[in-house]
Protein backbone atom coordinates (compact mmCIF):
# COMPACT_ATOMS: atom_id res chain seq x y z
CA MET A 1 -53.96 3.17 -6.88
CA ASP A 2 -54.43 1.58 -10.28
CA ARG A 3 -54.75 3.01 -13.79
CA LYS A 4 -58.32 4.28 -13.33
CA ASN A 5 -59.01 4.50 -9.61
CA ALA A 6 -57.28 5.61 -6.43
CA ILE A 7 -57.76 5.65 -2.68
CA VAL A 8 -55.74 8.18 -0.69
CA ALA A 9 -55.90 8.66 3.08
CA ASP A 10 -54.06 11.58 4.63
CA ILE A 11 -54.31 13.94 7.57
CA GLU A 12 -57.30 15.77 6.05
CA GLY A 13 -59.43 12.77 5.15
CA ILE A 14 -59.88 10.03 2.62
CA SER A 15 -60.25 10.57 -1.12
CA LEU A 16 -61.81 8.12 -3.53
CA GLY A 17 -61.08 8.48 -7.22
CA ASN A 18 -63.29 6.60 -9.65
CA ASN A 19 -62.67 6.94 -13.39
CA GLY A 20 -61.40 10.51 -13.16
CA ARG A 21 -63.92 11.71 -10.56
CA THR A 22 -62.64 12.31 -7.05
CA ILE A 23 -64.57 12.77 -3.84
CA HIS A 24 -62.82 13.97 -0.69
CA LEU A 25 -64.31 12.99 2.67
CA ALA A 26 -63.01 14.80 5.75
CA TRP A 27 -62.29 12.60 8.78
CA PRO A 28 -64.83 14.36 11.07
CA THR A 29 -67.62 13.30 8.67
CA VAL A 30 -66.45 9.67 8.40
CA HIS A 31 -68.21 7.10 10.57
CA ALA A 32 -66.42 3.97 9.31
CA VAL A 33 -64.04 2.67 6.67
CA THR A 34 -64.33 -0.96 5.61
CA TYR A 35 -62.59 -3.00 2.95
CA ALA A 36 -62.90 -6.31 1.15
CA GLU A 37 -60.72 -8.19 -1.27
CA THR A 38 -62.85 -8.51 -4.39
CA GLY A 39 -63.14 -9.80 -7.89
CA ARG A 40 -61.16 -12.29 -9.88
CA GLY A 41 -57.57 -11.62 -9.14
CA LEU A 42 -56.39 -8.95 -6.79
CA GLY A 43 -58.98 -6.28 -6.15
CA LEU A 44 -59.64 -4.17 -3.10
CA THR A 45 -62.94 -2.39 -2.49
CA VAL A 46 -62.96 0.32 0.16
CA THR A 47 -66.26 1.64 1.47
CA VAL A 48 -66.48 4.87 3.46
CA ARG A 49 -69.63 5.35 5.52
CA LEU A 50 -70.43 8.87 6.64
CA ALA A 51 -72.12 10.05 9.82
CA ASP A 52 -75.18 11.06 7.76
CA GLY A 53 -75.70 7.43 6.65
CA THR A 54 -74.40 7.76 3.09
CA ALA A 55 -71.68 5.51 1.74
CA HIS A 56 -69.07 5.85 -1.00
CA ALA A 57 -67.00 3.01 -2.46
CA CYS A 58 -63.97 2.64 -4.66
CA ARG A 59 -62.31 -0.46 -6.14
CA VAL A 60 -58.64 -0.67 -7.07
CA THR A 61 -56.85 -3.62 -8.64
CA THR A 62 -53.32 -4.91 -8.96
CA ARG A 63 -51.57 -7.95 -10.37
CA ASP A 64 -49.15 -8.01 -7.45
CA GLU A 65 -50.24 -9.82 -4.29
CA GLU A 66 -47.62 -8.03 -2.18
CA GLU A 67 -48.88 -4.66 -3.38
CA LEU A 68 -52.42 -5.61 -2.40
CA ASP A 69 -51.19 -6.63 1.06
CA ASP A 70 -49.36 -3.28 1.38
CA TRP A 71 -52.52 -1.37 0.43
CA ILE A 72 -54.51 -3.24 3.07
CA ASP A 73 -51.84 -2.70 5.73
CA GLN A 74 -51.67 1.03 4.96
CA LEU A 75 -55.46 1.36 5.04
CA ILE A 76 -55.63 -0.39 8.41
CA LEU A 77 -52.96 1.94 9.83
CA ALA A 78 -54.74 5.04 8.53
CA ARG A 79 -58.07 3.84 9.87
CA GLU A 80 -56.59 3.10 13.31
CA HIS A 81 -54.85 6.48 13.41
CA PHE A 82 -57.65 8.71 12.14
CA LEU A 83 -60.69 6.75 13.37
CA PRO A 84 -59.60 5.27 16.69
CA GLY A 85 -62.26 3.14 18.28
CA ARG A 86 -64.51 3.13 15.20
């Protein structure tokens, strides 16, 4: 989570918040969750692909390399738990 954007994964699904707009995607509709470190500095872009072929993305940034690593680790754990084998 940064000042403008947020990515939250919980038991119900994954939510992407971009500039005050939030979309919630329930796990049964999610086909895949991918991520990439992006931009100058420490950015993380998460892309959620749905079973219907649509995709939604969100980018968060930090100035702290350890925080970025924590975000990635937490995303990987959530993906493994809620989307096993995908």
